[in-house]
Amino acid sequence: MLIVGIAGGTGSGKTTVVKKVMEKFPSEQVVVIPQDAYYKDNGHIPLEERQKINFDHPDSLEFTLLIDHLEKLREGQTIEMPVYSYLTCLRSKETIPVKPARVVIVEGIMILCDSRLRDMFDIKVFVDADADDRLGRVIQRDIVERGRSLMVVLERYHETVKPSHLQFIEPSKRYADIIIPGGGDNQVGIEVLVSIIEKHLLEE
């Protein structure tokens, strides 16, 4: 099993890169595990407090569960991946069964921040993008997908997203084997990643 970690800042184009890579392979050969599914369940905190959680801080993630699930997949076991809602900041009672595959892609902003998780990746990728471009994508996504107002998005960006990016995410770039500047628009970078996965799938 080849485990690929794809990191990068919020709005850097990670999801686009993953989507373009996935278009090249059958779903039974390559599966994606999003970091976002592993945010801690915050049911013990009132909704108003939950909405103030810094989701760009490593403490917001349950790395231990993610590592355990990757180990199980590597051993050939099916896992029950959590489902997380940004609207309620809670885990759903439902889970998504994920079967083992030849290639597992783990995607998320902080996946290179945890040394135990880093050690599980055969290839570490960092999707890089200009700060202004990332902010533009964050504004668009949070308004459309998460129902936040422009003022709330900007306030959150300056209070938590930007400081956490500088403190945790940007420094994790040094662990990457491959850096893809320009996000999902970098066709050459995506093709390099695709060719590495193809090579692994062709090996017996």
Protein backbone atom coordinates (compact mmCIF):
# COMPACT_ATOMS: atom_id res chain seq x y z
CA MET A 1 0.00 0.00 0.00
CA LEU A 2 1.25 3.46 -0.97
CA ILE A 3 0.19 6.23 1.44
CA VAL A 4 0.40 9.76 0.01
CA GLY A 5 0.02 12.82 2.25
CA ILE A 6 -1.15 16.01 0.53
CA ALA A 7 -0.89 19.12 2.72
CA GLY A 8 -1.04 22.88 2.14
CA GLY A 9 -2.70 25.97 3.55
CA THR A 10 -6.43 26.62 3.67
CA GLY A 11 -7.59 27.51 0.16
CA SER A 12 -4.28 26.44 -1.45
CA GLY A 13 -5.94 24.13 -3.97
CA LYS A 14 -5.33 20.76 -2.23
CA THR A 15 -8.83 19.51 -2.96
CA THR A 16 -8.48 20.43 -6.64
CA VAL A 17 -5.15 18.60 -6.85
CA VAL A 18 -6.69 15.50 -5.22
CA LYS A 19 -9.72 15.65 -7.51
CA LYS A 20 -7.55 15.85 -10.63
CA VAL A 21 -5.39 12.96 -9.42
CA MET A 22 -8.47 10.85 -8.61
CA GLU A 23 -9.88 11.40 -12.10
CA LYS A 24 -6.99 9.31 -13.45
CA PHE A 25 -7.63 6.17 -11.40
CA PRO A 26 -10.44 3.70 -10.63
CA SER A 27 -12.01 4.34 -7.21
CA GLU A 28 -11.23 0.81 -5.99
CA GLN A 29 -7.49 1.39 -6.52
CA VAL A 30 -7.14 4.82 -4.89
CA VAL A 31 -9.09 6.13 -1.88
CA VAL A 32 -9.02 9.54 -0.18
CA ILE A 33 -9.03 10.13 3.57
CA PRO A 34 -9.73 13.82 4.33
CA GLN A 35 -8.16 15.21 7.50
CA ASP A 36 -11.38 17.17 8.08
CA ALA A 37 -13.21 13.94 8.98
CA TYR A 38 -10.96 13.63 12.04
CA TYR A 39 -11.73 16.89 13.84
CA LYS A 40 -12.49 16.14 17.47
CA ASP A 41 -16.14 15.76 18.41
CA ASN A 42 -17.11 18.81 20.46
CA GLY A 43 -20.52 17.72 21.70
CA HIS A 44 -19.60 18.66 25.28
CA ILE A 45 -19.20 22.35 24.31
CA PRO A 46 -22.14 24.76 23.69
CA LEU A 47 -22.72 25.67 20.00
CA GLU A 48 -21.62 29.28 20.49
CA GLU A 49 -18.29 28.11 21.93
CA ARG A 50 -17.90 25.41 19.26
CA GLN A 51 -18.11 28.02 16.53
CA LYS A 52 -15.08 29.80 18.04
CA ILE A 53 -12.83 26.71 17.82
CA ASN A 54 -9.59 27.25 15.91
CA PHE A 55 -9.80 24.54 13.24
CA ASP A 56 -6.35 25.55 11.98
CA HIS A 57 -4.64 24.38 15.18
CA PRO A 58 -3.28 20.80 15.49
CA ASP A 59 -5.06 20.41 18.86
CA SER A 60 -8.42 20.43 17.04
CA LEU A 61 -7.63 17.09 15.36
CA GLU A 62 -7.76 13.52 16.60
CA PHE A 63 -4.47 12.41 15.03
CA THR A 64 -4.45 9.18 17.04
CA LEU A 65 -7.68 7.95 15.40
CA LEU A 66 -6.44 8.89 11.92
CA ILE A 67 -3.16 7.01 12.50
CA ASP A 68 -5.08 4.00 13.86
CA HIS A 69 -7.30 3.97 10.77
CA LEU A 70 -4.32 4.15 8.40
CA GLU A 71 -2.69 1.24 10.24
CA LYS A 72 -5.89 -0.80 9.90
CA LEU A 73 -6.13 -0.04 6.17
CA ARG A 74 -2.51 -1.11 5.77
CA GLU A 75 -3.38 -4.38 7.52
CA GLY A 76 -6.23 -4.96 5.05
CA GLN A 77 -9.11 -3.98 7.35
CA THR A 78 -12.10 -1.82 6.43
CA ILE A 79 -12.44 1.31 8.60
CA GLU A 80 -15.44 3.41 9.63
CA MET A 81 -14.40 6.96 8.76
CA PRO A 82 -16.07 9.71 10.83
CA VAL A 83 -18.33 12.32 9.23
CA TYR A 84 -17.81 15.87 10.53
CA SER A 85 -20.13 18.85 10.11
CA TYR A 86 -18.71 22.39 9.98
CA LEU A 87 -22.18 23.80 10.58
CA THR A 88 -22.68 22.09 13.97
CA CYS A 89 -18.97 21.39 14.73
CA LEU A 90 -19.99 17.85 15.65
CA ARG A 91 -19.37 14.35 14.37
CA SER A 92 -22.35 12.65 12.82
CA LYS A 93 -23.61 9.35 14.24
CA GLU A 94 -23.15 7.93 10.75
CA THR A 95 -19.74 6.83 9.48
CA ILE A 96 -18.42 6.03 5.99
CA PRO A 97 -16.94 2.57 5.43
CA VAL A 98 -13.59 2.78 3.62
CA LYS A 99 -12.05 -0.40 2.20
CA PRO A 100 -8.30 -0.89 1.82
CA ALA A 101 -6.87 0.11 -1.57
CA ARG A 102 -3.51 -0.01 -3.35
CA VAL A 103 -3.12 3.75 -2.79
CA VAL A 104 -4.44 5.88 0.08
CA ILE A 105 -4.34 9.69 -0.23
CA VAL A 106 -4.58 11.63 3.05
CA GLU A 107 -5.44 15.27 2.43
CA GLY A 108 -5.50 18.18 4.88
CA ILE A 109 -3.86 21.37 6.08
CA MET A 110 -2.10 19.90 9.12
CA ILE A 111 -1.19 16.36 8.13
CA LEU A 112 2.55 17.17 8.00
CA CYS A 113 2.47 18.77 11.48
CA ASP A 114 2.32 15.47 13.37
CA SER A 115 5.56 13.43 13.30
CA ARG A 116 3.79 10.09 13.85
CA LEU A 117 1.48 10.74 10.90
CA ARG A 118 4.35 12.02 8.73
CA ASP A 119 6.22 8.78 9.31
CA MET A 120 3.32 6.82 7.78
CA PHE A 121 3.49 8.66 4.45
CA ASP A 122 5.49 7.14 1.60
CA ILE A 123 5.24 10.45 -0.27
CA LYS A 124 4.69 13.87 1.30
CA VAL A 125 3.26 16.62 -0.93
CA PHE A 126 2.74 20.31 -0.11
CA VAL A 127 0.40 22.36 -2.31
CA ASP A 128 1.66 25.94 -2.21
CA ALA A 129 -0.29 29.07 -3.14
CA ASP A 130 -0.04 32.83 -2.76
CA ALA A 131 -1.67 34.16 0.44
CA ASP A 132 -4.04 36.46 -1.49
CA ASP A 133 -5.21 33.58 -3.69
CA ARG A 134 -5.82 31.42 -0.62
CA LEU A 135 -7.82 34.17 1.10
CA GLY A 136 -10.00 34.62 -2.00
CA ARG A 137 -10.81 30.89 -2.05
CA VAL A 138 -11.48 30.83 1.71
CA ILE A 139 -13.94 33.74 1.41
CA GLN A 140 -15.78 32.08 -1.47
CA ARG A 141 -15.90 28.64 0.19
CA ASP A 142 -16.93 29.78 3.67
CA ILE A 143 -19.73 32.01 2.38
CA VAL A 144 -21.13 29.44 -0.07
CA GLU A 145 -20.51 26.15 1.75
CA ARG A 146 -20.47 27.12 5.42
CA GLY A 147 -23.01 29.93 5.50
CA ARG A 148 -20.68 32.52 7.04
CA SER A 149 -20.84 36.26 6.41
CA LEU A 150 -17.91 38.12 4.80
CA MET A 151 -17.14 39.90 8.08
CA VAL A 152 -17.06 36.62 10.02
CA VAL A 153 -14.78 35.02 7.40
CA LEU A 154 -12.33 37.96 7.43
CA GLU A 155 -12.34 38.16 11.23
CA ARG A 156 -11.67 34.43 11.49
CA TYR A 157 -8.93 34.63 8.85
CA HIS A 158 -7.00 37.34 10.70
CA GLU A 159 -7.58 35.92 14.21
CA THR A 160 -6.93 32.20 13.63
CA VAL A 161 -6.35 31.11 10.00
CA LYS A 162 -3.41 33.38 9.16
CA PRO A 163 -1.55 33.07 12.52
CA SER A 164 -1.98 29.27 12.53
CA HIS A 165 -0.81 29.04 8.93
CA LEU A 166 2.38 30.92 9.81
CA GLN A 167 2.93 28.96 13.03
CA PHE A 168 2.08 25.40 11.97
CA ILE A 169 1.29 24.89 8.29
CA GLU A 170 3.94 26.93 6.46
CA PRO A 171 6.80 25.43 8.57
CA SER A 172 5.54 21.90 7.76
CA LYS A 173 6.40 22.53 4.10
CA ARG A 174 10.02 21.61 4.87
CA TYR A 175 8.97 17.97 5.32
CA ALA A 176 7.52 17.70 1.80
CA ASP A 177 9.11 15.52 -0.86
CA ILE A 178 7.18 17.35 -3.59
CA ILE A 179 5.98 20.98 -3.57
CA ILE A 180 3.27 21.94 -6.06
CA PRO A 181 3.15 25.74 -6.45
CA GLY A 182 -0.04 27.28 -7.85
CA GLY A 183 -2.36 24.58 -6.53
CA GLY A 184 -4.74 22.88 -8.93
CA ASP A 185 -3.53 24.97 -11.89
CA ASN A 186 -0.10 23.33 -11.84
CA GLN A 187 -0.63 20.60 -14.41
CA VAL A 188 3.04 19.52 -14.43
CA GLY A 189 3.07 19.03 -10.63
CA ILE A 190 -0.14 16.99 -10.80
CA GLU A 191 1.26 14.85 -13.62
CA VAL A 192 4.39 14.10 -11.55
CA LEU A 193 2.18 12.89 -8.69
CA VAL A 194 0.01 10.85 -11.08
CA SER A 195 3.08 9.18 -12.61
CA ILE A 196 4.38 8.15 -9.16
CA ILE A 197 1.00 6.57 -8.31
CA GLU A 198 0.82 4.87 -11.74
CA LYS A 199 4.27 3.37 -11.21
CA HIS A 200 3.18 1.94 -7.84
CA LEU A 201 -0.02 0.47 -9.32
CA LEU A 202 1.94 -1.22 -12.12
CA GLU A 203 4.20 -2.96 -9.61
CA GLU A 204 3.07 -6.38 -8.42
